[in-house]
Structures are given as C-alpha cells and as structure tokens.
Protein backbone atom coordinates (compact mmCIF):
# COMPACT_ATOMS: atom_id res chain seq x y z
CA MET A 1 0.26 7.01 32.80
CA GLU A 2 2.16 3.76 33.22
CA THR A 3 -0.95 1.84 32.12
CA LEU A 4 -0.94 3.66 28.77
CA ARG A 5 2.73 2.87 28.33
CA VAL A 6 2.07 -0.79 29.00
CA ILE A 7 -0.73 -0.72 26.42
CA LYS A 8 1.63 0.82 23.85
CA ALA A 9 4.28 -1.83 24.54
CA ILE A 10 1.73 -4.64 24.22
CA MET A 11 0.36 -3.24 20.96
CA VAL A 12 3.83 -3.07 19.42
CA ALA A 13 4.60 -6.57 20.72
CA THR A 14 1.50 -7.95 19.03
CA VAL A 15 2.59 -6.49 15.69
CA GLY A 16 6.01 -8.05 16.22
CA GLY A 17 4.47 -11.41 17.07
CA TRP A 18 2.23 -11.24 14.02
CA ALA A 19 5.20 -10.41 11.75
CA LEU A 20 7.18 -13.29 13.27
CA LEU A 21 4.31 -15.66 12.54
CA ILE A 22 4.09 -14.46 8.94
CA ALA A 23 7.83 -14.86 8.37
CA TYR A 24 7.80 -18.29 10.00
CA ASP A 25 4.80 -19.40 7.93
CA ASN A 26 6.45 -18.25 4.70
CA VAL A 27 9.57 -20.27 5.49
CA VAL A 28 7.80 -23.41 6.74
CA ASP A 29 5.01 -23.32 4.14
CA TYR A 30 7.18 -21.78 1.42
CA GLY A 31 5.05 -22.95 -1.49
CA SER A 32 1.79 -21.30 -0.46
CA ASN A 33 2.89 -17.72 -0.98
CA TRP A 34 5.61 -18.59 -3.48
CA GLY A 35 2.88 -19.18 -6.07
CA PHE A 36 1.39 -15.80 -5.22
CA VAL A 37 4.70 -13.99 -5.75
CA GLN A 38 5.38 -15.87 -9.01
CA HIS A 39 2.01 -15.01 -10.52
CA VAL A 40 2.02 -11.37 -9.44
CA LEU A 41 5.51 -10.80 -10.82
CA ALA A 42 4.80 -12.75 -14.02
CA MET A 43 1.58 -10.77 -14.53
CA ASP A 44 0.04 -13.92 -16.01
CA THR A 45 -3.43 -13.35 -14.55
CA VAL A 46 -3.90 -9.66 -15.36
CA PHE A 47 -6.19 -8.46 -18.13
CA PRO A 48 -5.12 -10.08 -21.44
CA ASP A 49 -4.79 -6.73 -23.22
CA ASN A 50 -2.76 -5.06 -20.42
CA ALA A 51 -0.25 -2.77 -22.14
CA LEU A 52 2.00 -2.90 -19.04
CA LYS A 53 2.90 -6.60 -19.32
CA SER A 54 6.41 -5.63 -20.40
CA ARG A 55 7.04 -5.02 -16.68
CA ALA A 56 6.58 -8.72 -15.91
CA ILE A 57 9.37 -10.62 -14.20
CA THR A 58 9.36 -14.25 -15.29
CA ASN A 59 12.91 -15.20 -14.35
CA PRO A 60 12.55 -17.71 -11.45
CA SER A 61 15.79 -16.50 -9.84
CA LEU A 62 14.55 -12.92 -9.70
CA GLN A 63 11.17 -14.10 -8.44
CA LYS A 64 12.87 -16.07 -5.64
CA LEU A 65 15.00 -13.04 -4.80
CA ALA A 66 11.83 -10.95 -4.49
CA TYR A 67 10.16 -13.59 -2.32
CA TRP A 68 13.16 -13.87 -0.01
CA ALA A 69 13.27 -10.05 0.21
CA ILE A 70 9.64 -10.14 1.38
CA ILE A 71 10.35 -12.89 3.92
CA GLY A 72 13.48 -11.08 5.11
CA THR A 73 11.55 -7.85 5.57
CA GLU A 74 8.85 -9.70 7.53
CA GLY A 75 11.53 -11.20 9.77
CA LEU A 76 13.16 -7.80 10.24
CA MET A 77 9.76 -6.25 11.05
CA ALA A 78 9.30 -8.90 13.73
CA ILE A 79 12.74 -8.46 15.27
CA VAL A 80 12.60 -4.66 15.34
CA CYS A 81 9.01 -4.50 16.67
CA LEU A 82 9.70 -7.08 19.37
CA TRP A 83 12.93 -5.34 20.34
CA GLY A 84 11.07 -2.02 20.40
CA ALA A 85 8.29 -3.52 22.53
CA TRP A 86 10.87 -4.90 24.96
CA ARG A 87 12.52 -1.49 25.24
CA LEU A 88 9.13 0.15 25.79
CA TRP A 89 8.27 -2.38 28.48
CA ARG A 90 11.56 -1.86 30.30
CA ALA A 91 11.17 1.96 30.17
CA ARG A 92 7.51 2.10 31.19
CA HIS A 93 8.29 3.69 34.59
CA ASP A 94 10.35 6.58 33.18
CA ARG A 95 8.79 9.12 30.80
CA ARG A 96 12.06 10.21 29.14
CA ALA A 97 13.33 6.66 28.73
CA PHE A 98 9.96 5.61 27.32
CA ILE A 99 10.04 8.41 24.74
CA ALA A 100 13.53 7.33 23.66
CA ALA A 101 12.39 3.69 23.51
CA LYS A 102 9.72 4.58 20.95
CA ARG A 103 12.31 4.90 18.16
CA PRO A 104 12.92 1.21 17.41
CA ALA A 105 9.23 0.42 17.74
CA ALA A 106 8.41 3.18 15.25
CA VAL A 107 11.07 1.87 12.87
CA GLY A 108 9.57 -1.62 13.06
CA LEU A 109 6.13 -0.21 12.26
CA LEU A 110 7.66 1.81 9.41
CA LEU A 111 8.93 -1.49 7.96
CA VAL A 112 5.32 -2.73 7.94
CA TRP A 113 4.37 0.41 5.99
CA LEU A 114 7.21 -0.07 3.54
CA LEU A 115 6.46 -3.74 2.87
CA TYR A 116 2.69 -3.61 2.67
CA TYR A 117 2.07 -0.13 1.28
CA VAL A 118 5.11 0.37 -0.92
CA GLY A 119 5.65 -3.31 -1.71
CA PHE A 120 2.14 -4.67 -2.04
CA VAL A 121 -0.09 -1.67 -2.78
CA ILE A 122 2.25 0.41 -4.96
CA VAL A 123 4.66 -2.11 -6.51
CA GLY A 124 2.45 -5.20 -6.57
CA GLY A 125 -0.87 -3.46 -7.03
CA GLU A 126 0.05 -0.77 -9.50
CA TRP A 127 3.40 -1.62 -11.08
CA PHE A 128 2.53 -5.29 -11.61
CA SER A 129 -1.23 -4.62 -11.97
CA MET A 130 -2.11 -7.06 -9.19
CA TRP A 131 -5.48 -5.33 -8.87
CA GLN A 132 -6.47 -6.84 -12.23
CA SER A 133 -6.09 -10.42 -11.00
CA LYS A 134 -9.14 -12.18 -9.60
CA ILE A 135 -6.92 -14.96 -8.22
CA TRP A 136 -3.67 -13.30 -7.06
CA ASN A 137 -4.75 -9.95 -5.62
CA GLY A 138 -3.33 -9.32 -2.16
CA GLN A 139 -4.22 -5.66 -1.89
CA ALA A 140 -7.14 -6.10 0.52
CA ALA A 141 -5.01 -8.15 2.92
CA ALA A 142 -2.17 -5.63 2.66
CA VAL A 143 -4.53 -2.76 3.50
CA ALA A 144 -5.91 -4.69 6.48
CA PHE A 145 -2.36 -5.27 7.77
CA LEU A 146 -1.53 -1.60 7.20
CA THR A 147 -4.64 -0.41 8.99
CA CYS A 148 -3.77 -2.35 12.13
CA ALA A 149 -0.08 -1.45 12.11
CA MET A 150 -0.70 2.23 11.42
CA PHE A 151 -3.26 2.35 14.23
CA VAL A 152 -0.53 1.00 16.52
CA MET A 153 1.88 3.61 15.12
CA ILE A 154 -0.59 6.42 15.91
CA VAL A 155 -1.14 5.17 19.46
CA LEU A 156 2.61 4.68 19.97
CA LEU A 157 3.44 8.21 18.84
CA LEU A 158 0.85 9.95 20.99
CA PRO A 159 2.76 12.32 23.28
CA GLU A 160 3.70 11.19 26.75
CA GLU A 161 2.20 13.43 29.40
CA ASP A 162 3.95 14.52 32.57
CA ALA A 163 2.38 12.56 35.40
C-alpha cells in the first residue's frame, strides 16, 4: 500500500513542479504569453463579424491585471501542490494521516481546474471567443493540462485500503 501512496505523492509533486515551471517562465519570459493574453482579451483576431466583440478588454492595465492573476494562480497551484505532495510523502506510512494529507494536494489540483477549465476554456474560449482565433487559441493546451491534472486528481482521490 505504501508504494501506491508514494506514487500519489510523486504524481502530485510533478504537477506542482510543472506549475512552478510555468509560473517561472511567465515571469522570466513575460513577453511571450503577454501577447497571448492581450490578443485574447482584445478579441482582435476573432471572426470580423463577431457580435460578441463588445466583451473585449483593450485597457492595458486591465490586461496586465488579468495576466498577473494568471501568473499568481500558477504560482499558487505550484505552492499548494508541492506542499500537498510533501504532506503526502511524510504521511505515506500512516493511512489516516495520508488521507488527511490529501486535502491540500486536492486543493492544488482544483486550482489547475479553475485556471485552465474556468479561465481558459470557459472565459477565454467562450466569453472572449478564443476558439475563433487561428493564432491565439490556447484551448488545446489548456485541455491537455487539464487531462493530466485531472488524471492525477482521480488517482489521488482513490480510496486508501486497510493494509
């Protein structure tokens, strides 16, 4: 049973490490994804006759606020997942302690869901019509991130057996 607990801790740690890398990259290479956020929010590459363009955010200050909210959430995902993984690792010998240690790891994985499903698929994809852009469409990447993180969430939340 301890082997499965170690696997769960490692899986959560890898999500935390990935989120840390993303947050770091967005700070160090700020301009790369800054352009993405600007164009999605401005809706300047959606279909020309899109009746929803009134939703566009073109104010650079609001765009920067949105970008820093994304980066902050990525950093928080990293911290909470890594903290959760550490708690899982430390509790791997004790079933009850391990079950209790799942909470922060699950919260970290929930943050991945909120950022990439709510933020990128719902808000970016539908509200700002990101799906219409051939250049600035991040939905496929968001779904790939979600698929991995939600797989980890499913494995993490599998019940702990007595043994």
